[in-house]
Amino acid sequence: MSHTVAAELVANVLKVEVEVGAKVSATDPVVILESMKMEIPVLADVAGVVVEVIATQGDVVTDGDPLVVIEQA
């Protein structure tokens, strides 16, 4: 079953911390967002393997935009 990790606010994608094929645990940072000069880590909600990275560095995302898709373990 796949799970999509989404942005929770309007922000810039500062850094993508994972790539396709990476194993992640719940609470691992997958993307770092920047808003109002603050760095906000976006954490994986589930453990599994990254099957798609949608966000790229420099993107502007809004609340609900998909960032990463994880296939649950």
PDB file of N, CA and C in Angstrom:
ATOM      1  N   MET A   1       0.851  -1.184   0.000  1.00  0.00           N
ATOM      2  CA  MET A   1       0.000   0.000   0.000  1.00  0.00           C
ATOM      3  C   MET A   1       0.893   1.243   0.000  1.00  0.00           C
ATOM      4  N   SER A   2       0.616   2.198  -0.885  1.00  0.00           N
ATOM      5  CA  SER A   2       1.437   3.404  -0.922  1.00  0.00           C
ATOM      6  C   SER A   2       0.819   4.520  -0.086  1.00  0.00           C
ATOM      7  N   HIS A   3       1.720   5.350   0.391  1.00  0.00           N
ATOM      8  CA  HIS A   3       1.328   6.491   1.221  1.00  0.00           C
ATOM      9  C   HIS A   3       2.045   7.731   0.687  1.00  0.00           C
ATOM     10  N   THR A   4       1.297   8.800   0.526  1.00  0.00           N
ATOM     11  CA  THR A   4       1.875  10.048   0.028  1.00  0.00           C
ATOM     12  C   THR A   4       2.140  10.996   1.192  1.00  0.00           C
ATOM     13  N   VAL A   5       3.371  11.479   1.274  1.00  0.00           N
ATOM     14  CA  VAL A   5       3.733  12.497   2.252  1.00  0.00           C
ATOM     15  C   VAL A   5       3.497  13.843   1.585  1.00  0.00           C
ATOM     16  N   ALA A   6       2.710  14.702   2.241  1.00  0.00           N
ATOM     17  CA  ALA A   6       2.315  15.982   1.640  1.00  0.00           C
ATOM     18  C   ALA A   6       2.835  17.161   2.453  1.00  0.00           C
ATOM     19  N   ALA A   7       2.939  18.298   1.789  1.00  0.00           N
ATOM     20  CA  ALA A   7       3.325  19.545   2.453  1.00  0.00           C
ATOM     21  C   ALA A   7       2.193  19.984   3.381  1.00  0.00           C
ATOM     22  N   GLU A   8       2.558  20.618   4.474  1.00  0.00           N
ATOM     23  CA  GLU A   8       1.563  21.081   5.436  1.00  0.00           C
ATOM     24  C   GLU A   8       1.415  22.606   5.437  1.00  0.00           C
ATOM     25  N   LEU A   9       2.187  23.286   4.571  1.00  0.00           N
ATOM     26  CA  LEU A   9       2.126  24.741   4.524  1.00  0.00           C
ATOM     27  C   LEU A   9       2.721  25.221   3.204  1.00  0.00           C
ATOM     28  N   VAL A  10       2.547  26.494   2.928  1.00  0.00           N
ATOM     29  CA  VAL A  10       3.158  27.103   1.750  1.00  0.00           C
ATOM     30  C   VAL A  10       4.631  27.343   2.083  1.00  0.00           C
ATOM     31  N   ALA A  11       5.519  26.811   1.240  1.00  0.00           N
ATOM     32  CA  ALA A  11       6.952  26.919   1.526  1.00  0.00           C
ATOM     33  C   ALA A  11       7.759  26.611   0.269  1.00  0.00           C
ATOM     34  N   ASN A  12       9.058  26.856   0.366  1.00  0.00           N
ATOM     35  CA  ASN A  12      10.005  26.474  -0.683  1.00  0.00           C
ATOM     36  C   ASN A  12      10.644  25.151  -0.288  1.00  0.00           C
ATOM     37  N   VAL A  13      10.910  24.291  -1.274  1.00  0.00           N
ATOM     38  CA  VAL A  13      11.630  23.049  -1.004  1.00  0.00           C
ATOM     39  C   VAL A  13      13.105  23.406  -0.931  1.00  0.00           C
ATOM     40  N   LEU A  14      13.670  23.298   0.267  1.00  0.00           N
ATOM     41  CA  LEU A  14      15.071  23.638   0.487  1.00  0.00           C
ATOM     42  C   LEU A  14      15.975  22.461   0.124  1.00  0.00           C
ATOM     43  N   LYS A  15      15.546  21.243   0.512  1.00  0.00           N
ATOM     44  CA  LYS A  15      16.371  20.060   0.263  1.00  0.00           C
ATOM     45  C   LYS A  15      15.500  18.812   0.278  1.00  0.00           C
ATOM     46  N   VAL A  16      15.785  17.901  -0.638  1.00  0.00           N
ATOM     47  CA  VAL A  16      15.132  16.588  -0.641  1.00  0.00           C
ATOM     48  C   VAL A  16      16.108  15.615   0.003  1.00  0.00           C
ATOM     49  N   GLU A  17      15.684  14.968   1.075  1.00  0.00           N
ATOM     50  CA  GLU A  17      16.568  14.119   1.877  1.00  0.00           C
ATOM     51  C   GLU A  17      16.604  12.660   1.430  1.00  0.00           C
ATOM     52  N   VAL A  18      15.687  12.238   0.538  1.00  0.00           N
ATOM     53  CA  VAL A  18      15.610  10.829   0.135  1.00  0.00           C
ATOM     54  C   VAL A  18      15.626  10.707  -1.386  1.00  0.00           C
ATOM     55  N   GLU A  19      15.867   9.504  -1.863  1.00  0.00           N
ATOM     56  CA  GLU A  19      15.793   9.217  -3.292  1.00  0.00           C
ATOM     57  C   GLU A  19      15.001   7.926  -3.462  1.00  0.00           C
ATOM     58  N   VAL A  20      14.584   7.663  -4.679  1.00  0.00           N
ATOM     59  CA  VAL A  20      13.823   6.446  -4.964  1.00  0.00           C
ATOM     60  C   VAL A  20      14.649   5.234  -4.549  1.00  0.00           C
ATOM     61  N   GLY A  21      13.999   4.309  -3.847  1.00  0.00           N
ATOM     62  CA  GLY A  21      14.667   3.096  -3.383  1.00  0.00           C
ATOM     63  C   GLY A  21      15.156   3.183  -1.945  1.00  0.00           C
ATOM     64  N   ALA A  22      15.151   4.374  -1.368  1.00  0.00           N
ATOM     65  CA  ALA A  22      15.618   4.543   0.010  1.00  0.00           C
ATOM     66  C   ALA A  22      14.620   3.942   0.991  1.00  0.00           C
ATOM     67  N   LYS A  23      15.141   3.248   2.008  1.00  0.00           N
ATOM     68  CA  LYS A  23      14.294   2.732   3.075  1.00  0.00           C
ATOM     69  C   LYS A  23      14.167   3.830   4.131  1.00  0.00           C
ATOM     70  N   VAL A  24      12.929   4.070   4.585  1.00  0.00           N
ATOM     71  CA  VAL A  24      12.692   5.079   5.609  1.00  0.00           C
ATOM     72  C   VAL A  24      11.903   4.486   6.757  1.00  0.00           C
ATOM     73  N   SER A  25      12.132   5.028   7.926  1.00  0.00           N
ATOM     74  CA  SER A  25      11.346   4.689   9.104  1.00  0.00           C
ATOM     75  C   SER A  25      10.365   5.822   9.337  1.00  0.00           C
ATOM     76  N   ALA A  26       9.293   5.521  10.057  1.00  0.00           N
ATOM     77  CA  ALA A  26       8.368   6.584  10.430  1.00  0.00           C
ATOM     78  C   ALA A  26       9.176   7.602  11.228  1.00  0.00           C
ATOM     79  N   THR A  27       8.975   8.857  10.987  1.00  0.00           N
ATOM     80  CA  THR A  27       9.653  10.009  11.601  1.00  0.00           C
ATOM     81  C   THR A  27      10.998  10.358  10.963  1.00  0.00           C
ATOM     82  N   ASP A  28      11.441   9.645   9.931  1.00  0.00           N
ATOM     83  CA  ASP A  28      12.652  10.064   9.205  1.00  0.00           C
ATOM     84  C   ASP A  28      12.318  11.306   8.373  1.00  0.00           C
ATOM     85  N   PRO A  29      13.219  12.294   8.329  1.00  0.00           N
ATOM     86  CA  PRO A  29      12.965  13.463   7.465  1.00  0.00           C
ATOM     87  C   PRO A  29      13.089  13.067   5.994  1.00  0.00           C
ATOM     88  N   VAL A  30      12.116  13.480   5.179  1.00  0.00           N
ATOM     89  CA  VAL A  30      12.164  13.173   3.749  1.00  0.00           C
ATOM     90  C   VAL A  30      12.408  14.422   2.912  1.00  0.00           C
ATOM     91  N   VAL A  31      11.934  15.571   3.394  1.00  0.00           N
ATOM     92  CA  VAL A  31      12.108  16.840   2.694  1.00  0.00           C
ATOM     93  C   VAL A  31      12.292  17.930   3.751  1.00  0.00           C
ATOM     94  N   ILE A  32      13.120  18.917   3.436  1.00  0.00           N
ATOM     95  CA  ILE A  32      13.259  20.093   4.294  1.00  0.00           C
ATOM     96  C   ILE A  32      12.631  21.263   3.548  1.00  0.00           C
ATOM     97  N   LEU A  33      11.637  21.899   4.184  1.00  0.00           N
ATOM     98  CA  LEU A  33      10.991  23.075   3.603  1.00  0.00           C
ATOM     99  C   LEU A  33      11.543  24.322   4.262  1.00  0.00           C
ATOM    100  N   GLU A  34      11.429  25.448   3.567  1.00  0.00           N
ATOM    101  CA  GLU A  34      11.861  26.743   4.115  1.00  0.00           C
ATOM    102  C   GLU A  34      10.714  27.718   3.975  1.00  0.00           C
ATOM    103  N   SER A  35      10.353  28.323   5.100  1.00  0.00           N
ATOM    104  CA  SER A  35       9.297  29.332   5.103  1.00  0.00           C
ATOM    105  C   SER A  35       9.655  30.392   6.133  1.00  0.00           C
ATOM    106  N   MET A  36       9.605  31.626   5.715  1.00  0.00           N
ATOM    107  CA  MET A  36       9.923  32.749   6.602  1.00  0.00           C
ATOM    108  C   MET A  36      11.288  32.565   7.274  1.00  0.00           C
ATOM    109  N   LYS A  37      12.263  32.091   6.483  1.00  0.00           N
ATOM    110  CA  LYS A  37      13.646  31.880   6.917  1.00  0.00           C
ATOM    111  C   LYS A  37      13.784  30.815   8.002  1.00  0.00           C
ATOM    112  N   MET A  38      12.776  29.946   8.129  1.00  0.00           N
ATOM    113  CA  MET A  38      12.840  28.826   9.070  1.00  0.00           C
ATOM    114  C   MET A  38      12.886  27.522   8.271  1.00  0.00           C
ATOM    115  N   GLU A  39      13.701  26.588   8.717  1.00  0.00           N
ATOM    116  CA  GLU A  39      13.753  25.268   8.090  1.00  0.00           C
ATOM    117  C   GLU A  39      12.771  24.351   8.798  1.00  0.00           C
ATOM    118  N   ILE A  40      11.900  23.709   8.009  1.00  0.00           N
ATOM    119  CA  ILE A  40      10.866  22.843   8.557  1.00  0.00           C
ATOM    120  C   ILE A  40      11.036  21.441   7.968  1.00  0.00           C
ATOM    121  N   PRO A  41      11.436  20.466   8.799  1.00  0.00           N
ATOM    122  CA  PRO A  41      11.559  19.104   8.279  1.00  0.00           C
ATOM    123  C   PRO A  41      10.178  18.474   8.097  1.00  0.00           C
ATOM    124  N   VAL A  42       9.982  17.795   6.978  1.00  0.00           N
ATOM    125  CA  VAL A  42       8.759  17.027   6.739  1.00  0.00           C
ATOM    126  C   VAL A  42       9.143  15.573   6.968  1.00  0.00           C
ATOM    127  N   LEU A  43       8.440  14.916   7.875  1.00  0.00           N
ATOM    128  CA  LEU A  43       8.791  13.567   8.285  1.00  0.00           C
ATOM    129  C   LEU A  43       7.924  12.522   7.612  1.00  0.00           C
ATOM    130  N   ALA A  44       8.495  11.340   7.406  1.00  0.00           N
ATOM    131  CA  ALA A  44       7.719  10.209   6.892  1.00  0.00           C
ATOM    132  C   ALA A  44       6.696   9.825   7.954  1.00  0.00           C
ATOM    133  N   ASP A  45       5.485   9.527   7.512  1.00  0.00           N
ATOM    134  CA  ASP A  45       4.430   9.106   8.445  1.00  0.00           C
ATOM    135  C   ASP A  45       4.457   7.598   8.666  1.00  0.00           C
ATOM    136  N   VAL A  46       5.057   6.881   7.725  1.00  0.00           N
ATOM    137  CA  VAL A  46       5.068   5.418   7.758  1.00  0.00           C
ATOM    138  C   VAL A  46       6.463   4.909   7.414  1.00  0.00           C
ATOM    139  N   ALA A  47       6.730   3.671   7.777  1.00  0.00           N
ATOM    140  CA  ALA A  47       7.984   3.026   7.389  1.00  0.00           C
ATOM    141  C   ALA A  47       7.784   2.342   6.050  1.00  0.00           C
ATOM    142  N   GLY A  48       8.831   2.311   5.243  1.00  0.00           N
ATOM    143  CA  GLY A  48       8.732   1.648   3.954  1.00  0.00           C
ATOM    144  C   GLY A  48       9.853   2.051   3.024  1.00  0.00           C
ATOM    145  N   VAL A  49       9.577   1.938   1.716  1.00  0.00           N
ATOM    146  CA  VAL A  49      10.562   2.254   0.682  1.00  0.00           C
ATOM    147  C   VAL A  49      10.018   3.392  -0.186  1.00  0.00           C
ATOM    148  N   VAL A  50      10.860   4.373  -0.457  1.00  0.00           N
ATOM    149  CA  VAL A  50      10.465   5.499  -1.307  1.00  0.00           C
ATOM    150  C   VAL A  50      10.326   4.997  -2.739  1.00  0.00           C
ATOM    151  N   VAL A  51       9.122   5.186  -3.325  1.00  0.00           N
ATOM    152  CA  VAL A  51       8.889   4.737  -4.700  1.00  0.00           C
ATOM    153  C   VAL A  51       8.794   5.903  -5.680  1.00  0.00           C
ATOM    154  N   GLU A  52       8.579   7.113  -5.158  1.00  0.00           N
ATOM    155  CA  GLU A  52       8.524   8.293  -6.031  1.00  0.00           C
ATOM    156  C   GLU A  52       8.883   9.538  -5.229  1.00  0.00           C
ATOM    157  N   VAL A  53       9.727  10.372  -5.824  1.00  0.00           N
ATOM    158  CA  VAL A  53      10.061  11.678  -5.244  1.00  0.00           C
ATOM    159  C   VAL A  53       9.488  12.718  -6.194  1.00  0.00           C
ATOM    160  N   ILE A  54       8.489  13.447  -5.714  1.00  0.00           N
ATOM    161  CA  ILE A  54       7.784  14.424  -6.541  1.00  0.00           C
ATOM    162  C   ILE A  54       8.415  15.809  -6.414  1.00  0.00           C
ATOM    163  N   ALA A  55       8.792  16.167  -5.196  1.00  0.00           N
ATOM    164  CA  ALA A  55       9.360  17.492  -4.937  1.00  0.00           C
ATOM    165  C   ALA A  55      10.801  17.572  -5.416  1.00  0.00           C
ATOM    166  N   THR A  56      11.185  18.743  -5.888  1.00  0.00           N
ATOM    167  CA  THR A  56      12.588  18.993  -6.223  1.00  0.00           C
ATOM    168  C   THR A  56      13.021  20.290  -5.556  1.00  0.00           C
ATOM    169  N   GLN A  57      14.301  20.387  -5.297  1.00  0.00           N
ATOM    170  CA  GLN A  57      14.850  21.575  -4.652  1.00  0.00           C
ATOM    171  C   GLN A  57      14.467  22.816  -5.456  1.00  0.00           C
ATOM    172  N   GLY A  58      13.976  23.838  -4.749  1.00  0.00           N
ATOM    173  CA  GLY A  58      13.591  25.083  -5.394  1.00  0.00           C
ATOM    174  C   GLY A  58      12.115  25.192  -5.704  1.00  0.00           C
ATOM    175  N   ASP A  59      11.382  24.062  -5.646  1.00  0.00           N
ATOM    176  CA  ASP A  59       9.931  24.110  -5.871  1.00  0.00           C
ATOM    177  C   ASP A  59       9.244  24.950  -4.800  1.00  0.00           C
ATOM    178  N   VAL A  60       8.129  25.538  -5.162  1.00  0.00           N
ATOM    179  CA  VAL A  60       7.241  26.189  -4.199  1.00  0.00           C
ATOM    180  C   VAL A  60       6.037  25.276  -4.039  1.00  0.00           C
ATOM    181  N   VAL A  61       5.748  24.876  -2.802  1.00  0.00           N
ATOM    182  CA  VAL A  61       4.641  23.969  -2.539  1.00  0.00           C
ATOM    183  C   VAL A  61       3.603  24.649  -1.656  1.00  0.00           C
ATOM    184  N   THR A  62       2.381  24.158  -1.742  1.00  0.00           N
ATOM    185  CA  THR A  62       1.299  24.670  -0.895  1.00  0.00           C
ATOM    186  C   THR A  62       0.755  23.521  -0.053  1.00  0.00           C
ATOM    187  N   ASP A  63      -0.082  23.849   0.887  1.00  0.00           N
ATOM    188  CA  ASP A  63      -0.679  22.869   1.783  1.00  0.00           C
ATOM    189  C   ASP A  63      -1.348  21.752   0.982  1.00  0.00           C
ATOM    190  N   GLY A  64      -0.945  20.520   1.221  1.00  0.00           N
ATOM    191  CA  GLY A  64      -1.540  19.371   0.553  1.00  0.00           C
ATOM    192  C   GLY A  64      -0.807  18.882  -0.666  1.00  0.00           C
ATOM    193  N   ASP A  65       0.173  19.640  -1.173  1.00  0.00           N
ATOM    194  CA  ASP A  65       0.932  19.189  -2.347  1.00  0.00           C
ATOM    195  C   ASP A  65       1.737  17.937  -2.005  1.00  0.00           C
ATOM    196  N   PRO A  66       1.697  16.919  -2.876  1.00  0.00           N
ATOM    197  CA  PRO A  66       2.481  15.697  -2.614  1.00  0.00           C
ATOM    198  C   PRO A  66       3.967  15.959  -2.762  1.00  0.00           C
ATOM    199  N   LEU A  67       4.750  15.348  -1.869  1.00  0.00           N
ATOM    200  CA  LEU A  67       6.206  15.512  -1.897  1.00  0.00           C
ATOM    201  C   LEU A  67       6.913  14.193  -2.223  1.00  0.00           C
ATOM    202  N   VAL A  68       6.506  13.137  -1.534  1.00  0.00           N
ATOM    203  CA  VAL A  68       7.161  11.832  -1.658  1.00  0.00           C
ATOM    204  C   VAL A  68       6.108  10.735  -1.509  1.00  0.00           C
ATOM    205  N   VAL A  69       6.278   9.642  -2.264  1.00  0.00           N
ATOM    206  CA  VAL A  69       5.392   8.480  -2.121  1.00  0.00           C
ATOM    207  C   VAL A  69       6.205   7.327  -1.538  1.00  0.00           C
ATOM    208  N   ILE A  70       5.652   6.719  -0.474  1.00  0.00           N
ATOM    209  CA  ILE A  70       6.317   5.615   0.230  1.00  0.00           C
ATOM    210  C   ILE A  70       5.444   4.366   0.118  1.00  0.00           C
ATOM    211  N   GLU A  71       6.063   3.256  -0.277  1.00  0.00           N
ATOM    212  CA  GLU A  71       5.383   1.957  -0.264  1.00  0.00           C
ATOM    213  C   GLU A  71       5.587   1.378   1.133  1.00  0.00           C
ATOM    214  N   GLN A  72       4.488   1.206   1.859  1.00  0.00           N
ATOM    215  CA  GLN A  72       4.576   0.750   3.242  1.00  0.00           C
ATOM    216  C   GLN A  72       5.155  -0.638   3.347  1.00  0.00           C
ATOM    217  N   ALA A  73       5.948  -0.840   4.395  1.00  0.00           N
ATOM    218  CA  ALA A  73       6.577  -2.149   4.646  1.00  0.00           C
ATOM    219  C   ALA A  73       5.566  -3.114   5.232  1.00  0.00           C
TER     220      ALA A  73
END
